[in-house]
N, C-alpha and C. Protein backbone atom coordinates (compact mmCIF):
# COMPACT_ATOMS: atom_id res chain seq x y z
N MET A 1 -29.36 7.44 -0.21
CA MET A 1 -29.05 6.24 0.54
C MET A 1 -29.90 6.26 1.81
N ARG A 2 -30.57 5.16 2.06
CA ARG A 2 -31.42 5.05 3.23
C ARG A 2 -30.57 4.75 4.46
N PRO A 3 -30.97 5.24 5.62
CA PRO A 3 -30.19 4.94 6.83
C PRO A 3 -30.28 3.45 7.17
N LEU A 4 -29.19 2.90 7.68
CA LEU A 4 -29.16 1.49 8.02
C LEU A 4 -29.95 1.19 9.29
N MET A 5 -30.05 2.14 10.19
CA MET A 5 -30.75 1.91 11.43
C MET A 5 -31.47 3.20 11.84
N LYS A 6 -32.70 3.07 12.19
CA LYS A 6 -33.44 4.23 12.65
C LYS A 6 -33.62 4.11 14.16
N ILE A 7 -33.66 5.24 14.82
CA ILE A 7 -33.84 5.26 16.27
C ILE A 7 -35.30 4.98 16.58
N GLY A 8 -35.54 4.24 17.61
CA GLY A 8 -36.91 3.95 18.02
C GLY A 8 -37.22 2.48 17.88
N ARG A 9 -38.51 2.21 17.67
CA ARG A 9 -38.95 0.83 17.63
C ARG A 9 -38.99 0.25 16.22
N GLU A 10 -38.54 0.99 15.26
CA GLU A 10 -38.58 0.51 13.88
C GLU A 10 -37.55 -0.60 13.68
N LYS A 11 -37.81 -1.45 12.72
CA LYS A 11 -36.92 -2.57 12.45
C LYS A 11 -35.65 -2.11 11.75
N ARG A 12 -34.57 -2.83 12.04
CA ARG A 12 -33.33 -2.59 11.31
C ARG A 12 -33.42 -3.27 9.96
N ARG A 13 -32.76 -2.71 8.98
CA ARG A 13 -32.71 -3.38 7.69
C ARG A 13 -31.27 -3.74 7.38
N LYS A 14 -31.10 -4.73 6.58
CA LYS A 14 -29.75 -5.19 6.22
C LYS A 14 -29.14 -4.24 5.20
N ALA A 15 -27.82 -4.14 5.24
CA ALA A 15 -27.11 -3.33 4.27
C ALA A 15 -27.23 -3.99 2.90
N THR A 16 -27.45 -3.20 1.88
CA THR A 16 -27.55 -3.71 0.52
C THR A 16 -26.29 -3.35 -0.26
N ALA A 17 -26.18 -3.90 -1.46
CA ALA A 17 -25.03 -3.60 -2.31
C ALA A 17 -24.96 -2.10 -2.60
N ARG A 18 -26.12 -1.47 -2.69
CA ARG A 18 -26.15 -0.03 -2.95
C ARG A 18 -25.55 0.75 -1.78
N ASP A 19 -25.72 0.24 -0.56
CA ASP A 19 -25.16 0.89 0.62
C ASP A 19 -23.65 0.72 0.69
N VAL A 20 -23.16 -0.43 0.24
CA VAL A 20 -21.75 -0.78 0.38
C VAL A 20 -20.91 -0.23 -0.78
N ALA A 21 -21.50 -0.05 -1.95
CA ALA A 21 -20.76 0.38 -3.14
C ALA A 21 -19.95 1.67 -2.92
N PRO A 22 -20.51 2.72 -2.32
CA PRO A 22 -19.70 3.93 -2.12
C PRO A 22 -18.47 3.68 -1.25
N LEU A 23 -18.60 2.81 -0.25
CA LEU A 23 -17.45 2.49 0.60
C LEU A 23 -16.39 1.71 -0.17
N ARG A 24 -16.84 0.76 -1.00
CA ARG A 24 -15.91 -0.03 -1.80
C ARG A 24 -15.17 0.88 -2.78
N ASP A 25 -15.87 1.78 -3.45
CA ASP A 25 -15.24 2.70 -4.39
C ASP A 25 -14.26 3.62 -3.67
N LYS A 26 -14.64 4.08 -2.49
CA LYS A 26 -13.77 4.95 -1.71
C LYS A 26 -12.48 4.21 -1.33
N TYR A 27 -12.62 2.94 -0.95
CA TYR A 27 -11.45 2.12 -0.59
C TYR A 27 -10.54 1.94 -1.79
N ARG A 28 -11.11 1.70 -2.97
CA ARG A 28 -10.29 1.54 -4.18
C ARG A 28 -9.55 2.83 -4.52
N ARG A 29 -10.23 3.95 -4.41
CA ARG A 29 -9.56 5.23 -4.68
C ARG A 29 -8.43 5.46 -3.69
N MET A 30 -8.66 5.10 -2.42
CA MET A 30 -7.63 5.26 -1.40
C MET A 30 -6.43 4.37 -1.72
N GLN A 31 -6.68 3.14 -2.16
CA GLN A 31 -5.59 2.23 -2.52
C GLN A 31 -4.76 2.82 -3.64
N PHE A 32 -5.42 3.34 -4.68
CA PHE A 32 -4.71 3.92 -5.80
C PHE A 32 -3.86 5.10 -5.35
N ARG A 33 -4.42 5.96 -4.51
CA ARG A 33 -3.67 7.13 -4.03
C ARG A 33 -2.45 6.70 -3.22
N LEU A 34 -2.61 5.68 -2.40
CA LEU A 34 -1.48 5.22 -1.59
C LEU A 34 -0.38 4.61 -2.44
N ILE A 35 -0.76 3.88 -3.45
CA ILE A 35 0.26 3.31 -4.35
C ILE A 35 0.97 4.44 -5.08
N ALA A 36 0.20 5.41 -5.57
CA ALA A 36 0.82 6.55 -6.24
C ALA A 36 1.72 7.32 -5.27
N PHE A 37 1.27 7.49 -4.04
CA PHE A 37 2.08 8.17 -3.03
C PHE A 37 3.36 7.40 -2.76
N SER A 38 3.27 6.08 -2.73
CA SER A 38 4.47 5.29 -2.44
C SER A 38 5.52 5.46 -3.53
N LEU A 39 5.08 5.72 -4.76
CA LEU A 39 6.04 5.96 -5.83
C LEU A 39 6.83 7.24 -5.58
N VAL A 40 6.15 8.24 -5.04
CA VAL A 40 6.80 9.51 -4.78
C VAL A 40 7.58 9.48 -3.46
N ALA A 41 6.97 8.93 -2.44
CA ALA A 41 7.56 8.98 -1.10
C ALA A 41 8.69 7.99 -0.89
N PHE A 42 8.64 6.85 -1.54
CA PHE A 42 9.63 5.80 -1.30
C PHE A 42 10.33 5.35 -2.57
N PRO A 43 10.77 6.26 -3.44
CA PRO A 43 11.31 5.80 -4.71
C PRO A 43 12.60 5.00 -4.58
N PHE A 44 13.43 5.28 -3.60
CA PHE A 44 14.70 4.57 -3.50
C PHE A 44 14.86 3.86 -2.17
N ALA A 45 13.82 3.83 -1.37
CA ALA A 45 13.87 3.15 -0.08
C ALA A 45 13.33 1.74 -0.21
N ALA A 46 13.81 1.04 -1.21
CA ALA A 46 13.30 -0.30 -1.49
C ALA A 46 13.85 -1.32 -0.52
N HIS A 47 13.11 -2.38 -0.36
CA HIS A 47 13.54 -3.48 0.50
C HIS A 47 13.73 -4.73 -0.32
N ALA A 48 14.24 -4.57 -1.54
CA ALA A 48 14.57 -5.69 -2.42
C ALA A 48 13.44 -6.70 -2.52
N TYR A 49 12.26 -6.21 -2.80
CA TYR A 49 11.10 -7.06 -3.00
C TYR A 49 10.69 -7.83 -1.75
N ASP A 50 10.87 -7.22 -0.63
CA ASP A 50 10.41 -7.76 0.64
C ASP A 50 8.94 -7.35 0.79
N ILE A 51 8.04 -8.28 0.54
CA ILE A 51 6.61 -7.98 0.52
C ILE A 51 6.15 -7.40 1.85
N GLU A 52 6.56 -8.02 2.94
CA GLU A 52 6.11 -7.56 4.26
C GLU A 52 6.54 -6.11 4.52
N ALA A 53 7.80 -5.82 4.25
CA ALA A 53 8.31 -4.47 4.50
C ALA A 53 7.65 -3.44 3.57
N TYR A 54 7.49 -3.80 2.30
CA TYR A 54 6.86 -2.89 1.35
C TYR A 54 5.43 -2.56 1.79
N CYS A 55 4.68 -3.58 2.16
CA CYS A 55 3.29 -3.37 2.54
C CYS A 55 3.16 -2.65 3.88
N GLN A 56 4.13 -2.81 4.75
CA GLN A 56 4.14 -2.04 5.99
C GLN A 56 4.30 -0.56 5.67
N GLN A 57 5.15 -0.25 4.70
CA GLN A 57 5.33 1.15 4.28
C GLN A 57 4.03 1.71 3.71
N VAL A 58 3.37 0.92 2.86
CA VAL A 58 2.11 1.37 2.27
C VAL A 58 1.06 1.58 3.36
N GLY A 59 0.96 0.63 4.29
CA GLY A 59 0.01 0.76 5.38
C GLY A 59 0.31 1.94 6.28
N ALA A 60 1.59 2.16 6.55
CA ALA A 60 1.99 3.29 7.40
C ALA A 60 1.67 4.61 6.73
N ALA A 61 1.80 4.66 5.41
CA ALA A 61 1.49 5.89 4.69
C ALA A 61 0.01 6.24 4.82
N ALA A 62 -0.80 5.21 5.07
CA ALA A 62 -2.24 5.43 5.23
C ALA A 62 -2.63 5.61 6.69
N GLY A 63 -1.66 5.67 7.56
CA GLY A 63 -1.96 5.85 8.97
C GLY A 63 -2.05 4.54 9.73
N GLY A 64 -1.42 3.51 9.20
CA GLY A 64 -1.39 2.23 9.91
C GLY A 64 -2.56 1.33 9.64
N GLY A 65 -3.15 1.41 8.46
CA GLY A 65 -4.31 0.59 8.12
C GLY A 65 -3.97 -0.88 7.94
N SER A 66 -4.45 -1.72 8.83
CA SER A 66 -4.18 -3.16 8.75
C SER A 66 -4.88 -3.79 7.56
N GLN A 67 -6.07 -3.33 7.25
CA GLN A 67 -6.81 -3.89 6.12
C GLN A 67 -6.08 -3.63 4.81
N LEU A 68 -5.56 -2.43 4.66
CA LEU A 68 -4.82 -2.08 3.46
C LEU A 68 -3.53 -2.89 3.38
N GLU A 69 -2.84 -3.04 4.49
CA GLU A 69 -1.60 -3.81 4.50
C GLU A 69 -1.87 -5.28 4.13
N ALA A 70 -2.93 -5.84 4.64
CA ALA A 70 -3.27 -7.24 4.32
C ALA A 70 -3.60 -7.39 2.84
N ALA A 71 -4.36 -6.45 2.29
CA ALA A 71 -4.69 -6.49 0.86
C ALA A 71 -3.44 -6.34 0.02
N CYS A 72 -2.56 -5.46 0.45
CA CYS A 72 -1.30 -5.25 -0.25
C CYS A 72 -0.48 -6.53 -0.29
N ARG A 73 -0.38 -7.22 0.84
CA ARG A 73 0.39 -8.47 0.90
C ARG A 73 -0.19 -9.51 -0.04
N ASP A 74 -1.51 -9.63 -0.06
CA ASP A 74 -2.16 -10.60 -0.96
C ASP A 74 -1.87 -10.26 -2.42
N GLN A 75 -2.00 -8.99 -2.77
CA GLN A 75 -1.78 -8.56 -4.15
C GLN A 75 -0.31 -8.71 -4.56
N GLU A 76 0.59 -8.39 -3.65
CA GLU A 76 2.02 -8.54 -3.96
C GLU A 76 2.37 -10.02 -4.16
N GLN A 77 1.84 -10.90 -3.31
CA GLN A 77 2.12 -12.32 -3.45
C GLN A 77 1.56 -12.87 -4.76
N THR A 78 0.36 -12.43 -5.12
CA THR A 78 -0.24 -12.85 -6.39
C THR A 78 0.60 -12.39 -7.56
N ALA A 79 1.05 -11.15 -7.52
CA ALA A 79 1.89 -10.62 -8.59
C ALA A 79 3.21 -11.39 -8.68
N LYS A 80 3.81 -11.71 -7.53
CA LYS A 80 5.05 -12.48 -7.51
C LYS A 80 4.85 -13.86 -8.15
N ASP A 81 3.74 -14.51 -7.81
CA ASP A 81 3.43 -15.82 -8.38
C ASP A 81 3.21 -15.72 -9.89
N ASN A 82 2.51 -14.67 -10.33
CA ASN A 82 2.26 -14.47 -11.76
C ASN A 82 3.56 -14.26 -12.52
N ILE A 83 4.46 -13.48 -11.94
CA ILE A 83 5.75 -13.20 -12.58
C ILE A 83 6.55 -14.49 -12.74
N SER A 84 6.50 -15.35 -11.74
CA SER A 84 7.28 -16.60 -11.80
C SER A 84 6.80 -17.51 -12.93
N ARG A 85 5.56 -17.33 -13.38
CA ARG A 85 5.02 -18.15 -14.47
C ARG A 85 5.19 -17.51 -15.84
N MET A 86 5.67 -16.28 -15.89
CA MET A 86 5.82 -15.57 -17.17
C MET A 86 7.13 -15.95 -17.84
N SER A 87 7.08 -16.00 -19.16
CA SER A 87 8.32 -16.19 -19.91
C SER A 87 8.51 -14.97 -20.81
N VAL A 88 9.48 -14.16 -20.46
CA VAL A 88 9.77 -12.93 -21.20
C VAL A 88 11.27 -12.84 -21.41
N SER A 89 11.65 -11.95 -22.31
CA SER A 89 13.08 -11.79 -22.59
C SER A 89 13.81 -11.24 -21.36
N GLN A 90 15.09 -11.52 -21.31
CA GLN A 90 15.89 -11.04 -20.18
C GLN A 90 15.95 -9.52 -20.16
N ARG A 91 15.90 -8.89 -21.34
CA ARG A 91 15.93 -7.43 -21.42
C ARG A 91 14.70 -6.84 -20.73
N ILE A 92 13.52 -7.39 -21.02
CA ILE A 92 12.29 -6.90 -20.39
C ILE A 92 12.33 -7.18 -18.88
N MET A 93 12.79 -8.37 -18.51
CA MET A 93 12.85 -8.72 -17.09
C MET A 93 13.76 -7.76 -16.33
N ASN A 94 14.94 -7.48 -16.88
CA ASN A 94 15.88 -6.57 -16.21
C ASN A 94 15.29 -5.17 -16.08
N TYR A 95 14.70 -4.68 -17.16
CA TYR A 95 14.10 -3.34 -17.14
C TYR A 95 12.99 -3.27 -16.09
N CYS A 96 12.12 -4.26 -16.08
CA CYS A 96 10.97 -4.24 -15.17
C CYS A 96 11.38 -4.48 -13.72
N GLN A 97 12.49 -5.18 -13.51
CA GLN A 97 13.01 -5.30 -12.14
C GLN A 97 13.42 -3.93 -11.63
N GLU A 98 14.01 -3.12 -12.49
CA GLU A 98 14.38 -1.75 -12.09
C GLU A 98 13.13 -0.91 -11.81
N VAL A 99 12.10 -1.10 -12.63
CA VAL A 99 10.85 -0.36 -12.40
C VAL A 99 10.24 -0.76 -11.05
N GLY A 100 10.19 -2.05 -10.78
CA GLY A 100 9.67 -2.53 -9.50
C GLY A 100 10.49 -2.02 -8.33
N GLN A 101 11.80 -1.98 -8.51
CA GLN A 101 12.70 -1.49 -7.47
C GLN A 101 12.46 0.00 -7.22
N SER A 102 12.29 0.77 -8.29
CA SER A 102 12.08 2.21 -8.13
C SER A 102 10.74 2.53 -7.49
N ALA A 103 9.81 1.57 -7.53
CA ALA A 103 8.50 1.75 -6.89
C ALA A 103 8.53 1.33 -5.43
N GLY A 104 9.69 1.01 -4.92
CA GLY A 104 9.81 0.63 -3.52
C GLY A 104 9.94 -0.86 -3.32
N GLY A 105 10.17 -1.60 -4.40
CA GLY A 105 10.28 -3.05 -4.31
C GLY A 105 8.94 -3.73 -4.46
N SER A 106 8.19 -3.34 -5.48
CA SER A 106 6.83 -3.82 -5.66
C SER A 106 6.72 -4.81 -6.81
N TYR A 107 6.23 -6.02 -6.50
CA TYR A 107 5.96 -7.01 -7.53
C TYR A 107 4.80 -6.58 -8.42
N GLN A 108 3.85 -5.83 -7.87
CA GLN A 108 2.71 -5.38 -8.67
C GLN A 108 3.17 -4.46 -9.79
N PHE A 109 4.06 -3.55 -9.47
CA PHE A 109 4.57 -2.65 -10.49
C PHE A 109 5.42 -3.40 -11.50
N MET A 110 6.18 -4.36 -11.02
CA MET A 110 7.01 -5.16 -11.93
C MET A 110 6.12 -5.96 -12.88
N GLU A 111 5.06 -6.57 -12.37
CA GLU A 111 4.15 -7.34 -13.20
C GLU A 111 3.50 -6.46 -14.26
N ALA A 112 3.02 -5.30 -13.85
CA ALA A 112 2.38 -4.38 -14.80
C ALA A 112 3.37 -3.96 -15.88
N CYS A 113 4.60 -3.70 -15.49
CA CYS A 113 5.64 -3.33 -16.44
C CYS A 113 5.88 -4.45 -17.45
N ILE A 114 5.99 -5.67 -16.98
CA ILE A 114 6.24 -6.81 -17.87
C ILE A 114 5.11 -6.95 -18.88
N LYS A 115 3.89 -6.83 -18.41
CA LYS A 115 2.74 -6.96 -19.32
C LYS A 115 2.76 -5.87 -20.39
N GLU A 116 3.00 -4.63 -19.96
CA GLU A 116 3.00 -3.52 -20.91
C GLU A 116 4.18 -3.58 -21.87
N GLU A 117 5.35 -3.93 -21.37
CA GLU A 117 6.52 -4.05 -22.23
C GLU A 117 6.35 -5.19 -23.24
N SER A 118 5.73 -6.27 -22.82
CA SER A 118 5.49 -7.40 -23.73
C SER A 118 4.51 -7.00 -24.83
N LYS A 119 3.47 -6.25 -24.48
CA LYS A 119 2.52 -5.77 -25.48
C LYS A 119 3.21 -4.85 -26.48
N ALA A 120 4.03 -3.95 -25.98
CA ALA A 120 4.74 -3.01 -26.84
C ALA A 120 5.70 -3.76 -27.78
N LYS A 121 6.38 -4.76 -27.25
CA LYS A 121 7.32 -5.54 -28.06
C LYS A 121 6.57 -6.30 -29.16
N ASP A 122 5.42 -6.86 -28.83
CA ASP A 122 4.61 -7.58 -29.82
C ASP A 122 4.16 -6.64 -30.96
N LYS A 123 3.83 -5.39 -30.63
CA LYS A 123 3.43 -4.44 -31.66
C LYS A 123 4.60 -4.12 -32.60
N LEU A 124 5.81 -4.08 -32.05
CA LEU A 124 6.98 -3.76 -32.86
C LEU A 124 7.43 -4.93 -33.74
N ASP A 125 7.15 -6.14 -33.29
CA ASP A 125 7.59 -7.34 -34.04
C ASP A 125 6.73 -7.64 -35.21
């Protein structure tokens, strides 16, 4: 990776996708680790699907990262909206609500559960 700025009279160059990719990948890995950590650290400290409170916990686990908390809020809201448009059996919905609750009140986990349970049910039918 070339340096973004050299000392002296040389010209600065703009950051390229190649320069940014390692940072983006590092951020994604950090997000995954924090979500996994939240499963372990906050299994029963749920806030009944309170997006703001859940994402504050995730951000605090990362040391107070505002960027992570904002991304979490966006993703949780998107998952909540997606769930409201899904039509699934009450059995799957009840089960996945418990899964989301055990993850700290996460719509993302609930959405993933609904998708996977629906796929599994389709294979059995």
